[in-house]
Amino acid sequence: MKKLFLILLIAPVLGFGQNSSEEVPIFPGCENRKNKRKCFVKKLQEHIEANFRYPREAVVKKIEGRVYVQFVINTDGKISDIRVRGPHKSLEAEALRIIGKLYNENFTPGKQDGINVRVPFSIPITFRLPKR
């Protein structure tokens, strides 16, 4: 199973512009980083890679594809509203399991004009088996 591939493209969907009164959510461990967005993406990618398991059913049936994951970081710094859409239920279940592990994390919530706000994120995760 070590030869299986996972391609990640993390694209946070932020409604934030360049206004200095807006602050992005902060992944735990990124609080003191200069570029908090870049750190967020890196930490999220590390989380996905560390928890990734290609579903056995998908390997056997040679199922590949992209699963679109959406979730929200709430005003209390917790994630919610995880939704997945992909080519097969086993790939969707794996993406949901991985992102679901973030329920235990305490993010610093995004802020707008000093008020905590909900921030949606969208992450496409591509499952690809190695070429033989």
N, C-alpha and C. Protein backbone atom coordinates (compact mmCIF):
# COMPACT_ATOMS: atom_id res chain seq x y z
N MET A 1 0.81 -1.20 0.00
CA MET A 1 0.00 0.00 0.00
C MET A 1 0.85 1.26 0.00
N LYS A 2 2.13 1.15 0.21
CA LYS A 2 2.98 2.33 0.28
C LYS A 2 3.12 3.02 -1.07
N LYS A 3 2.80 2.34 -2.16
CA LYS A 3 2.97 2.93 -3.48
C LYS A 3 1.73 3.67 -3.97
N LEU A 4 0.74 3.80 -3.11
CA LEU A 4 -0.46 4.53 -3.49
C LEU A 4 -0.21 6.02 -3.38
N PHE A 5 -0.87 6.76 -4.24
CA PHE A 5 -0.64 8.19 -4.29
C PHE A 5 -1.84 8.98 -3.79
N LEU A 6 -1.54 10.09 -3.22
CA LEU A 6 -2.56 11.05 -2.81
C LEU A 6 -2.09 12.41 -3.30
N ILE A 7 -2.93 13.07 -4.05
CA ILE A 7 -2.59 14.41 -4.53
C ILE A 7 -3.48 15.39 -3.80
N LEU A 8 -2.87 16.40 -3.22
CA LEU A 8 -3.61 17.38 -2.45
C LEU A 8 -3.52 18.75 -3.10
N LEU A 9 -4.65 19.37 -3.15
CA LEU A 9 -4.70 20.77 -3.55
C LEU A 9 -5.66 21.41 -2.58
N ILE A 10 -5.13 22.22 -1.70
CA ILE A 10 -5.95 22.82 -0.66
C ILE A 10 -6.24 24.26 -1.04
N ALA A 11 -7.51 24.56 -1.13
CA ALA A 11 -7.91 25.90 -1.54
C ALA A 11 -8.91 26.46 -0.55
N PRO A 12 -8.42 27.16 0.46
CA PRO A 12 -9.38 27.75 1.39
C PRO A 12 -10.23 28.79 0.68
N VAL A 13 -11.50 28.73 0.91
CA VAL A 13 -12.42 29.69 0.32
C VAL A 13 -12.67 30.74 1.38
N LEU A 14 -11.94 31.83 1.28
CA LEU A 14 -12.07 32.89 2.27
C LEU A 14 -12.76 34.09 1.65
N GLY A 15 -13.64 34.66 2.39
CA GLY A 15 -14.29 35.87 1.94
C GLY A 15 -13.50 37.11 2.32
N PHE A 16 -12.23 36.90 2.63
CA PHE A 16 -11.40 38.00 3.11
C PHE A 16 -10.64 38.65 1.97
N GLY A 17 -10.56 39.94 1.97
CA GLY A 17 -9.77 40.68 1.01
C GLY A 17 -8.47 41.11 1.66
N GLN A 18 -8.01 42.27 1.28
CA GLN A 18 -6.75 42.80 1.81
C GLN A 18 -6.98 43.77 2.96
N ASN A 19 -8.18 43.88 3.45
CA ASN A 19 -8.50 44.81 4.52
C ASN A 19 -7.82 44.35 5.80
N SER A 20 -7.11 45.24 6.47
CA SER A 20 -6.36 44.87 7.67
C SER A 20 -7.26 44.53 8.85
N SER A 21 -8.57 44.83 8.76
CA SER A 21 -9.47 44.49 9.86
C SER A 21 -9.99 43.06 9.75
N GLU A 22 -9.51 42.31 8.77
CA GLU A 22 -9.92 40.92 8.57
C GLU A 22 -8.77 39.99 8.92
N GLU A 23 -9.07 38.93 9.67
CA GLU A 23 -8.05 37.96 10.06
C GLU A 23 -8.53 36.57 9.68
N VAL A 24 -7.64 35.80 9.06
CA VAL A 24 -7.97 34.43 8.67
C VAL A 24 -7.97 33.52 9.89
N PRO A 25 -8.68 32.38 9.82
CA PRO A 25 -8.57 31.41 10.90
C PRO A 25 -7.13 30.92 11.00
N ILE A 26 -6.73 30.53 12.19
CA ILE A 26 -5.35 30.10 12.41
C ILE A 26 -5.35 28.65 12.88
N PHE A 27 -4.60 27.83 12.16
CA PHE A 27 -4.44 26.42 12.52
C PHE A 27 -3.58 26.36 13.78
N PRO A 28 -3.89 25.47 14.73
CA PRO A 28 -3.06 25.36 15.93
C PRO A 28 -1.59 25.13 15.56
N GLY A 29 -0.72 25.93 16.14
CA GLY A 29 0.71 25.85 15.84
C GLY A 29 1.17 26.94 14.89
N CYS A 30 0.23 27.67 14.31
CA CYS A 30 0.57 28.73 13.35
C CYS A 30 0.42 30.13 13.95
N GLU A 31 0.11 30.20 15.23
CA GLU A 31 -0.20 31.49 15.85
C GLU A 31 0.93 32.52 15.70
N ASN A 32 2.16 32.09 15.78
CA ASN A 32 3.29 33.03 15.73
C ASN A 32 3.97 33.10 14.38
N ARG A 33 3.35 32.56 13.35
CA ARG A 33 3.93 32.58 12.01
C ARG A 33 3.56 33.87 11.29
N LYS A 34 4.47 34.34 10.46
CA LYS A 34 4.23 35.57 9.72
C LYS A 34 3.11 35.37 8.69
N ASN A 35 3.20 34.30 7.88
CA ASN A 35 2.20 34.04 6.87
C ASN A 35 1.27 32.93 7.39
N LYS A 36 0.22 33.34 8.06
CA LYS A 36 -0.70 32.40 8.70
C LYS A 36 -1.49 31.57 7.70
N ARG A 37 -1.83 32.15 6.55
CA ARG A 37 -2.55 31.40 5.51
C ARG A 37 -1.69 30.26 4.98
N LYS A 38 -0.45 30.56 4.67
CA LYS A 38 0.46 29.54 4.14
C LYS A 38 0.68 28.44 5.18
N CYS A 39 0.83 28.82 6.44
CA CYS A 39 1.01 27.85 7.51
C CYS A 39 -0.25 26.99 7.66
N PHE A 40 -1.43 27.61 7.55
CA PHE A 40 -2.69 26.87 7.64
C PHE A 40 -2.73 25.78 6.58
N VAL A 41 -2.45 26.15 5.34
CA VAL A 41 -2.48 25.20 4.24
C VAL A 41 -1.48 24.07 4.47
N LYS A 42 -0.28 24.42 4.90
CA LYS A 42 0.76 23.41 5.15
C LYS A 42 0.33 22.44 6.26
N LYS A 43 -0.18 22.98 7.36
CA LYS A 43 -0.60 22.13 8.49
C LYS A 43 -1.78 21.24 8.09
N LEU A 44 -2.71 21.76 7.32
CA LEU A 44 -3.85 20.96 6.88
C LEU A 44 -3.38 19.84 5.95
N GLN A 45 -2.47 20.15 5.06
CA GLN A 45 -1.92 19.13 4.16
C GLN A 45 -1.18 18.05 4.97
N GLU A 46 -0.41 18.46 5.97
CA GLU A 46 0.29 17.49 6.82
C GLU A 46 -0.71 16.60 7.56
N HIS A 47 -1.80 17.19 8.03
CA HIS A 47 -2.84 16.42 8.73
C HIS A 47 -3.44 15.37 7.79
N ILE A 48 -3.76 15.77 6.58
CA ILE A 48 -4.36 14.85 5.62
C ILE A 48 -3.39 13.73 5.28
N GLU A 49 -2.14 14.07 5.00
CA GLU A 49 -1.15 13.05 4.65
C GLU A 49 -0.90 12.09 5.81
N ALA A 50 -0.87 12.59 7.04
CA ALA A 50 -0.60 11.74 8.21
C ALA A 50 -1.75 10.78 8.50
N ASN A 51 -2.96 11.14 8.12
CA ASN A 51 -4.13 10.33 8.44
C ASN A 51 -4.70 9.58 7.25
N PHE A 52 -4.09 9.72 6.08
CA PHE A 52 -4.61 9.15 4.84
C PHE A 52 -4.44 7.64 4.77
N ARG A 53 -5.52 6.96 4.37
CA ARG A 53 -5.49 5.53 4.05
C ARG A 53 -6.34 5.34 2.79
N TYR A 54 -5.75 4.81 1.75
CA TYR A 54 -6.52 4.56 0.53
C TYR A 54 -7.48 3.43 0.84
N PRO A 55 -8.77 3.60 0.63
CA PRO A 55 -9.74 2.56 0.97
C PRO A 55 -9.49 1.26 0.21
N ARG A 56 -9.51 0.15 0.93
CA ARG A 56 -9.23 -1.16 0.33
C ARG A 56 -10.19 -1.44 -0.82
N GLU A 57 -11.47 -1.15 -0.63
CA GLU A 57 -12.45 -1.38 -1.69
C GLU A 57 -12.06 -0.62 -2.96
N ALA A 58 -11.60 0.61 -2.79
CA ALA A 58 -11.21 1.42 -3.95
C ALA A 58 -9.96 0.85 -4.63
N VAL A 59 -9.06 0.28 -3.86
CA VAL A 59 -7.86 -0.33 -4.44
C VAL A 59 -8.27 -1.55 -5.26
N VAL A 60 -9.09 -2.41 -4.66
CA VAL A 60 -9.51 -3.64 -5.32
C VAL A 60 -10.27 -3.34 -6.61
N LYS A 61 -11.15 -2.36 -6.55
CA LYS A 61 -11.97 -2.01 -7.72
C LYS A 61 -11.30 -0.99 -8.63
N LYS A 62 -10.07 -0.59 -8.27
CA LYS A 62 -9.30 0.39 -9.05
C LYS A 62 -10.07 1.71 -9.23
N ILE A 63 -10.61 2.17 -8.12
CA ILE A 63 -11.38 3.42 -8.14
C ILE A 63 -10.46 4.59 -7.82
N GLU A 64 -10.50 5.58 -8.68
CA GLU A 64 -9.73 6.80 -8.50
C GLU A 64 -10.67 7.99 -8.65
N GLY A 65 -10.19 9.15 -8.29
CA GLY A 65 -10.98 10.34 -8.53
C GLY A 65 -10.76 11.42 -7.49
N ARG A 66 -11.45 12.50 -7.69
CA ARG A 66 -11.32 13.66 -6.83
C ARG A 66 -12.55 13.76 -5.93
N VAL A 67 -12.28 13.94 -4.64
CA VAL A 67 -13.36 14.16 -3.67
C VAL A 67 -13.29 15.61 -3.24
N TYR A 68 -14.40 16.30 -3.34
CA TYR A 68 -14.48 17.69 -2.92
C TYR A 68 -15.00 17.72 -1.49
N VAL A 69 -14.23 18.33 -0.60
CA VAL A 69 -14.58 18.42 0.81
C VAL A 69 -14.82 19.89 1.15
N GLN A 70 -15.93 20.14 1.82
CA GLN A 70 -16.22 21.48 2.30
C GLN A 70 -16.46 21.41 3.80
N PHE A 71 -15.97 22.40 4.51
CA PHE A 71 -16.23 22.49 5.94
C PHE A 71 -16.16 23.94 6.36
N VAL A 72 -16.57 24.19 7.60
CA VAL A 72 -16.61 25.55 8.13
C VAL A 72 -15.82 25.58 9.42
N ILE A 73 -15.03 26.64 9.63
CA ILE A 73 -14.45 26.91 10.94
C ILE A 73 -15.38 27.94 11.58
N ASN A 74 -16.00 27.54 12.68
CA ASN A 74 -17.02 28.35 13.34
C ASN A 74 -16.40 29.47 14.19
N THR A 75 -17.28 30.27 14.75
CA THR A 75 -16.86 31.40 15.57
C THR A 75 -16.19 30.95 16.88
N ASP A 76 -16.37 29.68 17.25
CA ASP A 76 -15.71 29.15 18.45
C ASP A 76 -14.41 28.41 18.12
N GLY A 77 -14.01 28.40 16.84
CA GLY A 77 -12.77 27.75 16.44
C GLY A 77 -12.90 26.26 16.17
N LYS A 78 -14.10 25.75 16.19
CA LYS A 78 -14.35 24.33 15.90
C LYS A 78 -14.86 24.18 14.48
N ILE A 79 -14.57 23.01 13.86
CA ILE A 79 -15.08 22.78 12.51
C ILE A 79 -16.47 22.18 12.58
N SER A 80 -17.23 22.40 11.51
CA SER A 80 -18.57 21.83 11.40
C SER A 80 -18.94 21.75 9.93
N ASP A 81 -20.12 21.24 9.70
CA ASP A 81 -20.71 21.23 8.36
C ASP A 81 -19.80 20.58 7.31
N ILE A 82 -19.21 19.45 7.65
CA ILE A 82 -18.36 18.76 6.67
C ILE A 82 -19.25 18.11 5.62
N ARG A 83 -18.95 18.41 4.38
CA ARG A 83 -19.68 17.80 3.26
C ARG A 83 -18.67 17.28 2.26
N VAL A 84 -18.97 16.13 1.68
CA VAL A 84 -18.08 15.52 0.69
C VAL A 84 -18.86 15.15 -0.55
N ARG A 85 -18.18 15.22 -1.69
CA ARG A 85 -18.79 14.80 -2.96
C ARG A 85 -17.67 14.23 -3.80
N GLY A 86 -17.85 12.99 -4.22
CA GLY A 86 -16.82 12.34 -5.00
C GLY A 86 -17.37 11.23 -5.86
N PRO A 87 -16.47 10.53 -6.56
CA PRO A 87 -16.89 9.51 -7.51
C PRO A 87 -17.34 8.18 -6.89
N HIS A 88 -17.02 7.96 -5.62
CA HIS A 88 -17.39 6.69 -4.99
C HIS A 88 -17.53 6.88 -3.49
N LYS A 89 -18.45 6.14 -2.89
CA LYS A 89 -18.73 6.29 -1.46
C LYS A 89 -17.51 5.96 -0.59
N SER A 90 -16.65 5.03 -1.03
CA SER A 90 -15.47 4.69 -0.21
C SER A 90 -14.47 5.84 -0.17
N LEU A 91 -14.32 6.56 -1.27
CA LEU A 91 -13.42 7.73 -1.30
C LEU A 91 -14.02 8.86 -0.48
N GLU A 92 -15.33 9.05 -0.59
CA GLU A 92 -16.01 10.08 0.21
C GLU A 92 -15.87 9.79 1.71
N ALA A 93 -16.04 8.52 2.08
CA ALA A 93 -15.94 8.14 3.49
C ALA A 93 -14.54 8.39 4.03
N GLU A 94 -13.52 8.12 3.23
CA GLU A 94 -12.14 8.35 3.68
C GLU A 94 -11.88 9.84 3.86
N ALA A 95 -12.33 10.65 2.93
CA ALA A 95 -12.14 12.10 3.04
C ALA A 95 -12.88 12.63 4.28
N LEU A 96 -14.09 12.15 4.52
CA LEU A 96 -14.87 12.56 5.69
C LEU A 96 -14.17 12.14 6.98
N ARG A 97 -13.61 10.94 7.01
CA ARG A 97 -12.90 10.45 8.20
C ARG A 97 -11.69 11.33 8.52
N ILE A 98 -10.93 11.66 7.50
CA ILE A 98 -9.71 12.46 7.70
C ILE A 98 -10.06 13.85 8.23
N ILE A 99 -10.97 14.53 7.56
CA ILE A 99 -11.32 15.90 7.97
C ILE A 99 -12.05 15.86 9.31
N GLY A 100 -12.82 14.80 9.56
CA GLY A 100 -13.52 14.65 10.83
C GLY A 100 -12.58 14.62 12.03
N LYS A 101 -11.35 14.18 11.82
CA LYS A 101 -10.37 14.16 12.91
C LYS A 101 -10.01 15.57 13.37
N LEU A 102 -10.34 16.57 12.58
CA LEU A 102 -10.07 17.96 12.96
C LEU A 102 -11.05 18.47 14.02
N TYR A 103 -12.11 17.69 14.33
CA TYR A 103 -13.05 18.10 15.37
C TYR A 103 -12.34 18.35 16.70
N ASN A 104 -11.24 17.67 16.93
CA ASN A 104 -10.51 17.80 18.19
C ASN A 104 -9.58 19.01 18.23
N GLU A 105 -9.39 19.68 17.11
CA GLU A 105 -8.50 20.83 17.04
C GLU A 105 -9.21 22.10 17.48
N ASN A 106 -8.46 23.00 18.07
CA ASN A 106 -8.99 24.31 18.45
C ASN A 106 -8.34 25.38 17.58
N PHE A 107 -9.00 25.71 16.49
CA PHE A 107 -8.53 26.77 15.60
C PHE A 107 -8.80 28.12 16.23
N THR A 108 -7.99 29.09 15.90
CA THR A 108 -8.33 30.47 16.24
C THR A 108 -9.29 30.92 15.15
N PRO A 109 -10.50 31.33 15.50
CA PRO A 109 -11.48 31.66 14.46
C PRO A 109 -11.08 32.88 13.64
N GLY A 110 -11.63 32.96 12.44
CA GLY A 110 -11.44 34.13 11.61
C GLY A 110 -12.18 35.31 12.22
N LYS A 111 -11.69 36.50 11.92
CA LYS A 111 -12.33 37.71 12.47
C LYS A 111 -12.54 38.73 11.36
N GLN A 112 -13.59 39.48 11.53
CA GLN A 112 -13.87 40.59 10.64
C GLN A 112 -14.31 41.75 11.51
N ASP A 113 -13.57 42.84 11.43
CA ASP A 113 -13.82 44.01 12.28
C ASP A 113 -13.81 43.64 13.76
N GLY A 114 -12.91 42.70 14.13
CA GLY A 114 -12.74 42.30 15.52
C GLY A 114 -13.77 41.30 16.03
N ILE A 115 -14.68 40.88 15.18
CA ILE A 115 -15.73 39.94 15.58
C ILE A 115 -15.45 38.58 14.94
N ASN A 116 -15.55 37.50 15.74
CA ASN A 116 -15.37 36.16 15.21
C ASN A 116 -16.43 35.87 14.16
N VAL A 117 -16.00 35.27 13.04
CA VAL A 117 -16.91 34.93 11.95
C VAL A 117 -16.68 33.49 11.50
N ARG A 118 -17.70 32.90 10.89
CA ARG A 118 -17.59 31.57 10.29
C ARG A 118 -16.84 31.71 8.97
N VAL A 119 -15.92 30.77 8.71
CA VAL A 119 -15.15 30.81 7.46
C VAL A 119 -15.24 29.45 6.78
N PRO A 120 -15.78 29.41 5.55
CA PRO A 120 -15.88 28.15 4.82
C PRO A 120 -14.56 27.82 4.10
N PHE A 121 -14.29 26.53 3.98
CA PHE A 121 -13.12 26.04 3.25
C PHE A 121 -13.57 24.98 2.27
N SER A 122 -12.85 24.85 1.18
CA SER A 122 -13.09 23.82 0.18
C SER A 122 -11.75 23.17 -0.15
N ILE A 123 -11.73 21.84 -0.12
CA ILE A 123 -10.49 21.10 -0.36
C ILE A 123 -10.76 19.97 -1.34
N PRO A 124 -10.21 20.01 -2.54
CA PRO A 124 -10.31 18.84 -3.42
C PRO A 124 -9.16 17.88 -3.08
N ILE A 125 -9.50 16.63 -2.83
CA ILE A 125 -8.48 15.60 -2.57
C ILE A 125 -8.57 14.59 -3.71
N THR A 126 -7.46 14.40 -4.43
CA THR A 126 -7.43 13.48 -5.56
C THR A 126 -6.82 12.16 -5.14
N PHE A 127 -7.57 11.09 -5.34
CA PHE A 127 -7.10 9.74 -5.07
C PHE A 127 -6.64 9.14 -6.39
N ARG A 128 -5.39 8.73 -6.45
CA ARG A 128 -4.86 8.16 -7.69
C ARG A 128 -3.98 6.97 -7.36
N LEU A 129 -4.26 5.86 -8.03
CA LEU A 129 -3.46 4.65 -7.87
C LEU A 129 -2.23 4.76 -8.76
N PRO A 130 -1.13 4.10 -8.38
CA PRO A 130 0.08 4.17 -9.22
C PRO A 130 -0.13 3.46 -10.55
N LYS A 131 0.51 3.96 -11.58
CA LYS A 131 0.46 3.33 -12.91
C LYS A 131 1.32 2.09 -12.89
N ARG A 132 0.86 1.06 -13.56
CA ARG A 132 1.63 -0.20 -13.59
C ARG A 132 2.20 -0.42 -14.96
